[in-house]
Amino acid sequence: MIPREGIFAHWPNRITLVRFIGSLLLFGILHIWGMWTDNEGLVGGKLEPLVQQVHADIGVFLKISFWLFIVIAATDFLDGWLARRGNLVTAFGRIADPFVDKVLVIGAMVFLAVMDWSRVWFPAWIVVVIVAREFLVTGIRGYVESLGMQFPADWFGKVKMVVQCTAIATVIGLFAFRWPAWCRDALAVMGHIFVWGTLLTTVGSGTSYVLKTRRLLQEGPTRR
């Protein structure tokens, strides 16, 4: 059922809009305060001085960034659930919801890839691979749906989103709060693990979509 009162007359699309605005606010905070540190990154493998310096400089703003990111990421399921529950699935929602997800995740990763205190966890080349995957999947989804076939997200893509969000939250949280030494070191290792997990699930889900596209084109009505 398509709402007649307007695009934002119902909560699913309102939540999507709020999530988009929240993402822009997050990027604004990272742009203004994320660079405001006197450190030179992780030098000589010494994590503790880096964490203490960043926390002293911008800890309060990283706390805001951390919780803002958590709320925006966690409400991803809410707009979809409300849309399905109220039979309010619209063309706008089908486009806007994954768009906001991509803006949030890729935007956060880009910032983490360029800031001195976080770029050791998010090398630029990993972000490039992730962006390339999104371009690829968006392109083939548009092509398949233009042929009149459905191309919904699969479970692999949803796992990818969870791993990506966990990696981002782990790295921001590492610097946003004061942790005991053992916990800080564990979070640092977990950050690397989740970032590499992000790379693997990104490549894996991209491959899954390519194989799905091949199957759909072979079985679809446009086969020649």
Protein backbone atom coordinates (compact mmCIF):
# COMPACT_ATOMS: atom_id res chain seq x y z
CA MET A 1 0.00 0.00 0.00
CA ILE A 2 1.42 3.40 -1.02
CA PRO A 3 0.67 6.20 1.44
CA ARG A 4 -1.48 8.91 -0.15
CA GLU A 5 -0.67 11.63 2.36
CA GLY A 6 2.91 12.12 1.21
CA ILE A 7 6.31 10.48 1.45
CA PHE A 8 6.84 11.38 5.11
CA ALA A 9 3.29 10.86 6.32
CA HIS A 10 4.23 7.58 8.01
CA TRP A 11 6.93 6.58 10.48
CA PRO A 12 9.10 4.27 8.32
CA ASN A 13 10.11 7.05 5.94
CA ARG A 14 10.33 9.57 8.77
CA ILE A 15 12.81 7.33 10.56
CA THR A 16 14.84 6.95 7.36
CA LEU A 17 14.98 10.75 7.03
CA VAL A 18 16.03 11.15 10.68
CA ARG A 19 18.74 8.51 10.18
CA PHE A 20 20.06 10.43 7.18
CA ILE A 21 20.13 13.72 9.10
CA GLY A 22 21.83 11.92 12.01
CA SER A 23 24.49 10.60 9.64
CA LEU A 24 25.22 14.13 8.40
CA LEU A 25 25.47 15.30 12.01
CA LEU A 26 27.90 12.47 12.76
CA PHE A 27 30.09 13.46 9.82
CA GLY A 28 29.99 17.08 10.93
CA ILE A 29 31.25 16.15 14.40
CA LEU A 30 34.03 13.99 12.96
CA HIS A 31 34.99 16.71 10.50
CA ILE A 32 35.17 19.47 13.10
CA TRP A 33 36.57 17.52 16.05
CA GLY A 34 37.98 14.30 14.64
CA MET A 35 41.06 16.05 13.34
CA TRP A 36 41.52 18.10 16.52
CA THR A 37 44.36 16.13 18.06
CA ASP A 38 48.03 16.78 18.61
CA ASN A 39 49.10 13.17 18.05
CA GLU A 40 50.84 11.76 15.01
CA GLY A 41 49.04 8.43 14.95
CA LEU A 42 50.20 5.08 16.23
CA VAL A 43 53.97 5.48 16.43
CA GLY A 44 56.22 2.56 17.34
CA GLY A 45 53.25 0.39 18.24
CA LYS A 46 52.57 2.44 21.39
CA LEU A 47 48.81 2.33 21.74
CA GLU A 48 48.34 3.68 25.27
CA PRO A 49 49.81 7.19 24.69
CA LEU A 50 47.75 7.53 21.52
CA VAL A 51 44.50 6.53 23.24
CA GLN A 52 45.15 8.81 26.21
CA GLN A 53 46.00 11.78 24.00
CA VAL A 54 42.98 11.40 21.73
CA HIS A 55 40.67 10.88 24.71
CA ALA A 56 42.05 13.99 26.40
CA ASP A 57 41.64 16.08 23.23
CA ILE A 58 38.27 15.01 21.86
CA GLY A 59 36.96 12.27 24.15
CA VAL A 60 33.59 13.94 24.76
CA PHE A 61 32.99 14.39 21.04
CA LEU A 62 33.93 10.80 20.32
CA LYS A 63 31.44 9.69 22.97
CA ILE A 64 28.76 11.67 21.14
CA SER A 65 29.90 10.17 17.83
CA PHE A 66 29.88 6.66 19.26
CA TRP A 67 26.36 6.81 20.66
CA LEU A 68 25.04 8.66 17.62
CA PHE A 69 26.44 5.98 15.35
CA ILE A 70 24.99 3.21 17.54
CA VAL A 71 21.51 4.75 17.47
CA ILE A 72 21.54 5.34 13.71
CA ALA A 73 22.84 1.84 12.97
CA ALA A 74 20.52 0.12 15.47
CA THR A 75 17.40 1.79 14.08
CA ASP A 76 18.14 0.38 10.63
CA PHE A 77 15.80 -2.54 11.33
CA LEU A 78 13.07 -0.33 12.82
CA ASP A 79 11.90 1.47 9.69
CA GLY A 80 11.82 -1.77 7.70
CA TRP A 81 9.93 -3.58 10.45
CA LEU A 82 7.36 -0.79 10.72
CA ALA A 83 6.94 -0.67 6.95
CA ARG A 84 6.31 -4.41 6.72
CA ARG A 85 4.09 -4.46 9.81
CA GLY A 86 1.89 -1.63 8.56
CA ASN A 87 2.02 -2.61 4.88
CA LEU A 88 3.68 0.73 4.14
CA VAL A 89 6.46 -0.45 1.85
CA THR A 90 7.07 2.24 -0.78
CA ALA A 91 9.40 2.78 -3.72
CA PHE A 92 10.96 5.67 -1.79
CA GLY A 93 11.66 3.45 1.20
CA ARG A 94 13.16 0.67 -0.92
CA ILE A 95 15.62 3.17 -2.38
CA ALA A 96 16.21 5.49 0.58
CA ASP A 97 16.76 2.90 3.31
CA PRO A 98 19.76 1.12 1.70
CA PHE A 99 21.04 4.51 0.51
CA VAL A 100 21.15 5.82 4.09
CA ASP A 101 22.86 2.59 5.21
CA LYS A 102 25.58 3.11 2.61
CA VAL A 103 26.00 6.80 3.46
CA LEU A 104 26.37 6.00 7.17
CA VAL A 105 28.81 3.10 6.84
CA ILE A 106 30.95 4.32 3.95
CA GLY A 107 31.02 7.90 5.25
CA ALA A 108 32.16 6.77 8.70
CA MET A 109 34.84 4.52 7.18
CA VAL A 110 36.16 7.34 5.00
CA PHE A 111 36.60 9.56 8.04
CA LEU A 112 38.26 6.75 10.02
CA ALA A 113 40.59 6.09 7.08
CA VAL A 114 41.96 9.65 7.04
CA MET A 115 42.20 10.57 10.72
CA ASP A 116 45.60 10.00 12.31
CA TRP A 117 44.30 8.17 15.35
CA SER A 118 42.11 5.67 13.48
CA ARG A 119 43.60 5.07 10.04
CA VAL A 120 45.79 2.19 11.22
CA TRP A 121 42.55 0.21 11.69
CA PHE A 122 40.96 1.37 8.44
CA PRO A 123 43.53 1.38 5.60
CA ALA A 124 42.29 3.38 2.62
CA TRP A 125 42.53 0.41 0.26
CA ILE A 126 39.99 -1.54 2.33
CA VAL A 127 37.56 1.36 2.10
CA VAL A 128 38.11 1.49 -1.66
CA VAL A 129 37.23 -2.21 -1.96
CA ILE A 130 34.06 -1.65 0.07
CA VAL A 131 33.02 1.34 -2.06
CA ALA A 132 33.71 -0.63 -5.25
CA ARG A 133 31.49 -3.46 -4.00
CA GLU A 134 28.64 -1.03 -3.32
CA PHE A 135 28.92 0.45 -6.82
CA LEU A 136 28.92 -3.04 -8.31
CA VAL A 137 25.90 -4.30 -6.39
CA THR A 138 23.93 -1.08 -6.98
CA GLY A 139 24.63 -1.32 -10.69
CA ILE A 140 23.62 -4.95 -11.11
CA ARG A 141 20.55 -4.48 -8.89
CA GLY A 142 19.39 -1.60 -11.07
CA TYR A 143 19.95 -3.65 -14.21
CA VAL A 144 18.17 -6.76 -12.93
CA GLU A 145 15.18 -4.80 -11.64
CA SER A 146 14.96 -2.90 -14.93
CA LEU A 147 14.27 -6.31 -16.51
CA GLY A 148 11.29 -6.77 -14.24
CA MET A 149 12.91 -9.20 -11.79
CA GLN A 150 13.19 -8.85 -8.02
CA PHE A 151 16.64 -8.41 -6.49
CA PRO A 152 16.22 -8.32 -2.69
CA ALA A 153 19.03 -8.19 -0.18
CA ASP A 154 20.17 -11.60 1.05
CA TRP A 155 21.40 -12.75 4.45
CA PHE A 156 25.05 -12.34 3.42
CA GLY A 157 24.53 -8.64 2.80
CA LYS A 158 22.87 -8.24 6.20
CA VAL A 159 25.77 -10.01 7.92
CA LYS A 160 28.13 -7.64 6.11
CA MET A 161 26.24 -4.64 7.47
CA VAL A 162 26.43 -5.96 11.04
CA VAL A 163 30.17 -6.66 10.80
CA GLN A 164 30.84 -3.24 9.26
CA CYS A 165 28.93 -1.42 11.99
CA THR A 166 30.66 -3.46 14.69
CA ALA A 167 34.08 -2.58 13.26
CA ILE A 168 33.29 1.14 13.16
CA ALA A 169 31.78 1.18 16.66
CA THR A 170 34.74 -0.77 18.07
CA VAL A 171 37.35 1.67 16.74
CA ILE A 172 35.44 4.79 17.82
CA GLY A 173 34.65 3.25 21.19
CA LEU A 174 38.32 2.37 21.73
CA PHE A 175 39.17 6.07 21.84
CA ALA A 176 35.91 7.44 23.21
CA PHE A 177 36.13 5.82 26.66
CA ARG A 178 38.77 5.14 29.29
CA TRP A 179 39.36 1.40 29.36
CA PRO A 180 41.55 -0.76 31.60
CA ALA A 181 44.77 -1.69 29.82
CA TRP A 182 43.73 -5.29 29.16
CA CYS A 183 40.36 -4.21 27.79
CA ARG A 184 41.90 -1.50 25.63
CA ASP A 185 44.37 -3.94 24.08
CA ALA A 186 41.58 -6.47 23.49
CA LEU A 187 39.46 -3.83 21.76
CA ALA A 188 42.40 -2.84 19.58
CA VAL A 189 42.78 -6.45 18.41
CA MET A 190 39.02 -6.81 17.96
CA GLY A 191 39.02 -3.69 15.83
CA HIS A 192 41.51 -5.25 13.43
CA ILE A 193 39.58 -8.53 13.40
CA PHE A 194 36.27 -6.85 12.60
CA VAL A 195 37.82 -4.66 9.90
CA TRP A 196 39.27 -7.73 8.20
CA GLY A 197 35.93 -9.43 8.74
CA THR A 198 34.35 -6.47 6.99
CA LEU A 199 36.65 -6.99 4.03
CA LEU A 200 35.85 -10.71 3.83
CA THR A 201 32.08 -10.28 4.15
CA THR A 202 32.17 -7.43 1.64
CA VAL A 203 33.95 -9.52 -0.97
CA GLY A 204 31.85 -12.55 -0.10
CA SER A 205 28.52 -10.75 -0.35
CA GLY A 206 29.59 -9.07 -3.58
CA THR A 207 30.46 -12.47 -5.05
CA SER A 208 27.13 -13.84 -3.83
CA TYR A 209 25.23 -11.07 -5.63
CA VAL A 210 27.18 -11.62 -8.84
CA LEU A 211 26.35 -15.34 -8.77
CA LYS A 212 22.71 -14.55 -7.99
CA THR A 213 22.60 -12.15 -10.94
CA ARG A 214 24.03 -14.79 -13.25
CA ARG A 215 21.37 -17.26 -12.13
CA LEU A 216 18.55 -14.76 -12.51
CA LEU A 217 19.64 -13.79 -16.01
CA GLN A 218 19.85 -17.44 -17.03
CA GLU A 219 16.42 -18.24 -15.63
CA GLY A 220 14.68 -14.93 -16.28
CA PRO A 221 12.25 -13.95 -19.02
CA THR A 222 14.87 -11.96 -20.92
CA ARG A 223 17.06 -14.96 -21.68
CA ARG A 224 18.01 -15.10 -25.33
